[in-house]
Amino acid sequence: MSTYKIEVEKLNAWFGSKQVLKNIDMKVKDRAVTAIMGPSGCGKTTFIRCLNRMHELTPGARVSGRVLLDGINIYDDGIDPVQIRRKVGMIFQKPNPFPMLSIYDNVALGPKLNGVKDRKTLDLIVRRSLELAGLWDEVKNDLDKSGVSLSGGQQQRLCIARALAVEPEVLLMDEPTSALDPMSAAKIEALIRKLAENYTVIIVTHNIQQAARVSDYVAFFYLGELIEYGPTKDVFEKPRSELTERYITGKFG
C-alpha cells in the first residue's frame, strides 16, 4: 500500500489557449496537511481543482497528464467525476452554506442525495460531521436555523461539516481563512491539524505564515510551475531554490 494518497504525473492545464499549469509532478502523503503557496495567478487554485475534476467544469478548460487517487487515474475513461468529487471534497474561499436550508439540512443534503433516508442515521451523520468540524456545541440547539444566520467563521466550519458528511478521503481547501477574522481563522487552522489525523488535507494559501503553521509538506508554485516541494521545515529553513527563498522572505509575492 502506497503512503501516497495522490500522485500527480505530468499535469498540464489550460483555460482555452492559456496554459496555467506546466508539467506538474507531485506526490501527496496520506493523512497529512500539504500547503500550496505562491503569488496570485500562479496556478494554485487550478491545481487543486484538477485533483477532483472541477477544472473541467469551466468552459474551455482542459487537462493532460495523470492524477492517481489510491493508484487509479481519475481521468481514465469510465471514471465517474461525481464519485471522484465525493471522495475528494472541496472547501471554498468564501463560506457558501445553502441559504434556503437549515444548519441541519446543509449537512444532511449530501447523505440524502446519496440515498440515506433514515432520520436516525441522518441525525448521527449530522452530529458527527458538526462535531468533527468543531461546531456541534455552538449550534446543537439551533439546528433548524438558516445556515446563513451563523458568523463567517461558523459558516466556514458548517461548509467543512457539509463536506465531511459524505465521508470523503481527501479535503481540498482553497484559502479557507482568507475571508475570516484572525480568531475564526485560528479555529479553522486548529481544525485542519485535527482533520489530518483521519483525512488527507491540501490547502491553498497566500499566507506564508499559515503555510508554515499548519502544513507537514509545502509546495511553492510560480507561473504555473512547481518550483519546490518538500517537508515544510526543510522548505522554510533550507529552500533549494532562490525563487522560494525570495518568496518566503517577502522579497516578492
Protein backbone atom coordinates (compact mmCIF):
# COMPACT_ATOMS: atom_id res chain seq x y z
CA MET A 1 0.00 0.00 0.00
CA SER A 2 1.48 3.34 -1.07
CA THR A 3 1.93 6.03 1.60
CA TYR A 4 0.88 8.50 -1.09
CA LYS A 5 -2.81 9.26 -1.40
CA ILE A 6 -2.46 11.26 -4.61
CA GLU A 7 0.24 11.04 -7.27
CA VAL A 8 0.30 13.74 -9.94
CA GLU A 9 2.22 12.98 -13.14
CA LYS A 10 2.99 15.48 -15.92
CA LEU A 11 -0.14 17.51 -15.17
CA ASN A 12 -0.87 20.36 -17.58
CA ALA A 13 -3.97 22.57 -17.52
CA TRP A 14 -5.36 25.21 -19.84
CA PHE A 15 -8.13 27.80 -19.98
CA GLY A 16 -8.74 28.00 -23.72
CA SER A 17 -5.30 28.60 -25.26
CA LYS A 18 -3.76 29.89 -22.00
CA GLN A 19 -1.66 27.25 -20.22
CA VAL A 20 -1.91 27.67 -16.45
CA LEU A 21 -0.12 24.52 -15.20
CA LYS A 22 3.05 23.12 -16.73
CA ASN A 23 4.20 19.53 -16.23
CA ILE A 24 3.47 19.21 -12.51
CA ASP A 25 4.84 16.08 -10.82
CA MET A 26 3.92 15.74 -7.16
CA LYS A 27 3.11 13.02 -4.61
CA VAL A 28 0.77 13.88 -1.74
CA LYS A 29 1.15 11.97 1.53
CA ASP A 30 -1.88 10.31 3.11
CA ARG A 31 -3.17 11.80 6.40
CA ALA A 32 -1.02 14.89 6.29
CA VAL A 33 -1.53 18.58 5.52
CA THR A 34 0.06 19.76 2.28
CA ALA A 35 0.07 23.52 1.68
CA ILE A 36 0.19 25.01 -1.82
CA MET A 37 1.66 28.51 -1.71
CA GLY A 38 2.74 31.07 -4.28
CA PRO A 39 1.84 34.52 -5.59
CA SER A 40 -1.57 35.30 -7.10
CA GLY A 41 -2.16 33.81 -10.53
CA CYS A 42 0.49 31.09 -10.24
CA GLY A 43 -1.96 28.19 -10.70
CA LYS A 44 -2.60 27.14 -7.09
CA THR A 45 -6.40 27.02 -7.31
CA THR A 46 -6.35 25.46 -10.78
CA PHE A 47 -4.05 22.75 -9.43
CA ILE A 48 -6.39 21.64 -6.64
CA ARG A 49 -9.41 21.88 -8.97
CA CYS A 50 -7.64 19.34 -11.20
CA LEU A 51 -7.44 16.93 -8.23
CA ASN A 52 -11.21 16.37 -8.16
CA ARG A 53 -12.03 17.15 -11.79
CA MET A 54 -13.63 20.52 -11.06
CA HIS A 55 -11.34 22.29 -13.52
CA GLU A 56 -13.17 20.70 -16.44
CA LEU A 57 -16.45 22.30 -15.31
CA THR A 58 -15.13 25.64 -16.62
CA PRO A 59 -15.99 26.16 -20.32
CA GLY A 60 -12.86 25.82 -22.48
CA ALA A 61 -10.80 24.25 -19.70
CA ARG A 62 -8.79 21.10 -20.32
CA VAL A 63 -6.20 18.90 -18.66
CA SER A 64 -3.48 16.47 -19.74
CA GLY A 65 -1.40 14.11 -17.59
CA ARG A 66 -2.42 11.76 -14.79
CA VAL A 67 -3.82 12.20 -11.29
CA LEU A 68 -3.73 8.91 -9.37
CA LEU A 69 -6.03 8.58 -6.35
CA ASP A 70 -5.07 5.39 -4.49
CA GLY A 71 -3.31 4.28 -7.68
CA ILE A 72 -6.27 4.84 -10.03
CA ASN A 73 -6.11 7.62 -12.64
CA ILE A 74 -9.16 9.84 -12.04
CA TYR A 75 -9.03 10.93 -15.70
CA ASP A 76 -9.35 7.40 -17.11
CA ASP A 77 -12.31 6.67 -19.38
CA GLY A 78 -15.23 5.27 -17.42
CA ILE A 79 -14.36 7.07 -14.16
CA ASP A 80 -17.36 9.00 -12.82
CA PRO A 81 -16.29 12.55 -11.88
CA VAL A 82 -19.20 12.79 -9.43
CA GLN A 83 -17.78 9.82 -7.49
CA ILE A 84 -14.34 11.48 -7.52
CA ARG A 85 -15.81 14.69 -6.08
CA ARG A 86 -17.47 12.66 -3.35
CA LYS A 87 -14.10 11.18 -2.36
CA VAL A 88 -12.24 14.46 -2.80
CA GLY A 89 -14.25 17.26 -1.15
CA MET A 90 -13.72 20.98 -1.71
CA ILE A 91 -13.94 23.91 0.71
CA PHE A 92 -14.00 27.32 -0.98
CA GLN A 93 -12.51 30.67 -0.07
CA LYS A 94 -15.84 32.27 0.77
CA PRO A 95 -18.16 30.25 3.01
CA ASN A 96 -21.14 29.13 0.90
CA PRO A 97 -23.85 27.48 3.03
CA PHE A 98 -27.06 26.88 1.07
CA PRO A 99 -29.14 29.91 2.10
CA MET A 100 -32.56 28.23 1.79
CA LEU A 101 -31.54 25.35 4.08
CA SER A 102 -31.26 24.99 7.84
CA ILE A 103 -27.97 24.13 9.53
CA TYR A 104 -29.20 20.52 9.80
CA ASP A 105 -30.24 20.29 6.15
CA ASN A 106 -27.00 21.86 4.91
CA VAL A 107 -25.12 18.92 6.46
CA ALA A 108 -27.73 16.26 5.66
CA LEU A 109 -28.10 17.19 1.98
CA GLY A 110 -25.15 15.15 0.67
CA PRO A 111 -26.09 11.94 2.51
CA LYS A 112 -29.73 12.39 1.37
CA LEU A 113 -28.62 12.74 -2.26
CA ASN A 114 -26.58 9.57 -1.76
CA GLY A 115 -29.74 7.72 -0.73
CA VAL A 116 -29.72 7.92 3.08
CA LYS A 117 -33.37 8.29 4.14
CA ASP A 118 -33.47 7.03 7.73
CA ARG A 119 -33.85 10.00 10.09
CA LYS A 120 -31.85 8.36 12.91
CA THR A 121 -28.95 7.71 10.55
CA LEU A 122 -29.11 11.29 9.26
CA ASP A 123 -29.17 12.60 12.85
CA LEU A 124 -25.99 10.63 13.60
CA ILE A 125 -24.24 11.82 10.43
CA VAL A 126 -25.18 15.46 11.11
CA ARG A 127 -23.97 15.32 14.70
CA ARG A 128 -20.74 13.51 13.85
CA SER A 129 -19.94 15.91 10.99
CA LEU A 130 -20.62 19.00 13.10
CA GLU A 131 -18.51 17.55 15.93
CA LEU A 132 -15.64 16.85 13.53
CA ALA A 133 -15.91 20.44 12.29
CA GLY A 134 -15.81 21.76 15.86
CA LEU A 135 -19.26 23.32 15.53
CA TRP A 136 -21.70 20.99 17.32
CA ASP A 137 -21.59 22.64 20.75
CA GLU A 138 -22.21 26.07 19.21
CA VAL A 139 -25.23 25.08 17.08
CA LYS A 140 -26.83 21.96 18.64
CA ASN A 141 -29.82 23.96 19.92
CA ASP A 142 -30.23 25.90 16.65
CA LEU A 143 -30.16 23.16 14.00
CA ASP A 144 -33.38 24.42 12.39
CA LYS A 145 -31.98 27.96 11.91
CA SER A 146 -30.71 29.04 8.49
CA GLY A 147 -27.08 28.24 7.73
CA VAL A 148 -26.51 31.87 6.75
CA SER A 149 -27.55 33.05 10.23
CA LEU A 150 -24.13 31.94 11.52
CA SER A 151 -20.98 34.10 11.72
CA GLY A 152 -18.45 33.89 8.88
CA GLY A 153 -16.16 31.51 10.77
CA GLN A 154 -19.08 29.30 11.80
CA GLN A 155 -20.35 29.26 8.20
CA GLN A 156 -16.95 28.04 7.02
CA ARG A 157 -16.98 25.25 9.65
CA LEU A 158 -20.53 24.40 8.53
CA CYS A 159 -19.20 24.03 4.96
CA ILE A 160 -16.46 21.75 6.29
CA ALA A 161 -19.11 19.69 8.15
CA ARG A 162 -21.14 19.51 4.91
CA ALA A 163 -18.08 18.19 3.05
CA LEU A 164 -17.34 15.64 5.81
CA ALA A 165 -20.93 14.31 5.83
CA VAL A 166 -20.38 12.35 2.60
CA GLU A 167 -17.25 10.72 4.08
CA PRO A 168 -14.57 11.99 1.71
CA GLU A 169 -10.99 10.74 1.89
CA VAL A 170 -9.35 13.98 0.78
CA LEU A 171 -10.27 17.59 1.63
CA LEU A 172 -9.19 20.38 -0.69
CA MET A 173 -9.32 23.85 0.88
CA ASP A 174 -8.94 26.94 -1.28
CA GLU A 175 -7.76 29.77 1.00
CA PRO A 176 -10.35 28.73 3.63
CA THR A 177 -9.50 31.52 6.09
CA SER A 178 -8.91 34.49 3.78
CA ALA A 179 -12.42 35.89 4.32
CA LEU A 180 -12.30 35.42 8.13
CA ASP A 181 -11.18 37.44 11.13
CA PRO A 182 -8.00 36.28 12.95
CA MET A 183 -9.85 34.41 15.73
CA SER A 184 -12.07 32.49 13.31
CA ALA A 185 -9.03 31.77 11.15
CA ALA A 186 -7.16 30.34 14.15
CA LYS A 187 -10.08 27.96 14.83
CA ILE A 188 -10.02 26.74 11.23
CA GLU A 189 -6.24 26.24 11.39
CA ALA A 190 -6.58 24.14 14.57
CA LEU A 191 -9.36 22.18 12.86
CA ILE A 192 -7.16 21.49 9.81
CA ARG A 193 -4.47 19.97 12.04
CA LYS A 194 -7.09 17.80 13.76
CA LEU A 195 -8.66 16.65 10.47
CA ALA A 196 -5.28 15.46 9.19
CA GLU A 197 -5.46 12.61 11.75
CA ASN A 198 -8.07 10.96 9.52
CA TYR A 199 -8.02 12.77 6.17
CA THR A 200 -5.56 13.91 3.53
CA VAL A 201 -5.79 17.73 3.55
CA ILE A 202 -4.50 20.01 0.79
CA ILE A 203 -4.75 23.72 1.49
CA VAL A 204 -4.11 26.61 -0.89
CA THR A 205 -2.89 29.67 0.97
CA HIS A 206 -1.39 33.04 0.06
CA ASN A 207 -0.40 33.41 3.73
CA ILE A 208 3.20 32.20 4.13
CA GLN A 209 2.95 32.11 7.94
CA GLN A 210 -0.19 29.98 7.69
CA ALA A 211 1.58 27.50 5.42
CA ALA A 212 4.40 27.27 7.98
CA ARG A 213 1.95 26.79 10.88
CA VAL A 214 -0.49 24.23 9.53
CA SER A 215 1.31 22.07 6.99
CA ASP A 216 3.52 18.98 7.08
CA TYR A 217 4.57 19.49 3.46
CA VAL A 218 4.63 22.60 1.33
CA ALA A 219 4.71 23.21 -2.42
CA PHE A 220 5.75 26.52 -3.94
CA PHE A 221 4.19 27.33 -7.31
CA TYR A 222 5.33 30.14 -9.61
CA LEU A 223 3.94 30.98 -13.07
CA GLY A 224 2.26 27.58 -13.40
CA GLU A 225 5.33 25.56 -12.43
CA LEU A 226 6.11 23.63 -9.25
CA ILE A 227 9.36 25.26 -8.12
CA GLU A 228 9.91 23.42 -4.84
CA TYR A 229 8.18 20.76 -2.74
CA GLY A 230 9.14 19.02 0.47
CA PRO A 231 8.69 18.82 4.25
CA THR A 232 7.61 22.25 5.49
CA LYS A 233 10.56 22.64 7.86
CA ASP A 234 13.07 21.91 5.07
CA VAL A 235 11.47 24.29 2.57
CA PHE A 236 11.28 27.15 5.08
CA GLU A 237 14.69 26.64 6.70
CA LYS A 238 16.76 25.43 3.72
CA PRO A 239 14.98 26.32 0.47
CA ARG A 240 16.76 24.82 -2.53
CA SER A 241 15.53 27.45 -4.99
CA GLU A 242 16.44 31.12 -4.87
CA LEU A 243 12.88 31.89 -6.02
CA THR A 244 11.44 30.06 -3.00
CA GLU A 245 13.78 31.91 -0.67
CA ARG A 246 12.81 35.27 -2.16
CA TYR A 247 9.11 34.42 -1.81
CA ILE A 248 9.24 33.25 1.82
CA THR A 249 11.39 36.23 2.87
CA GLY A 250 8.85 38.60 1.32
CA LYS A 251 11.07 39.93 -1.50
CA PHE A 252 8.24 39.37 -3.97
CA GLY A 253 4.73 37.97 -3.91
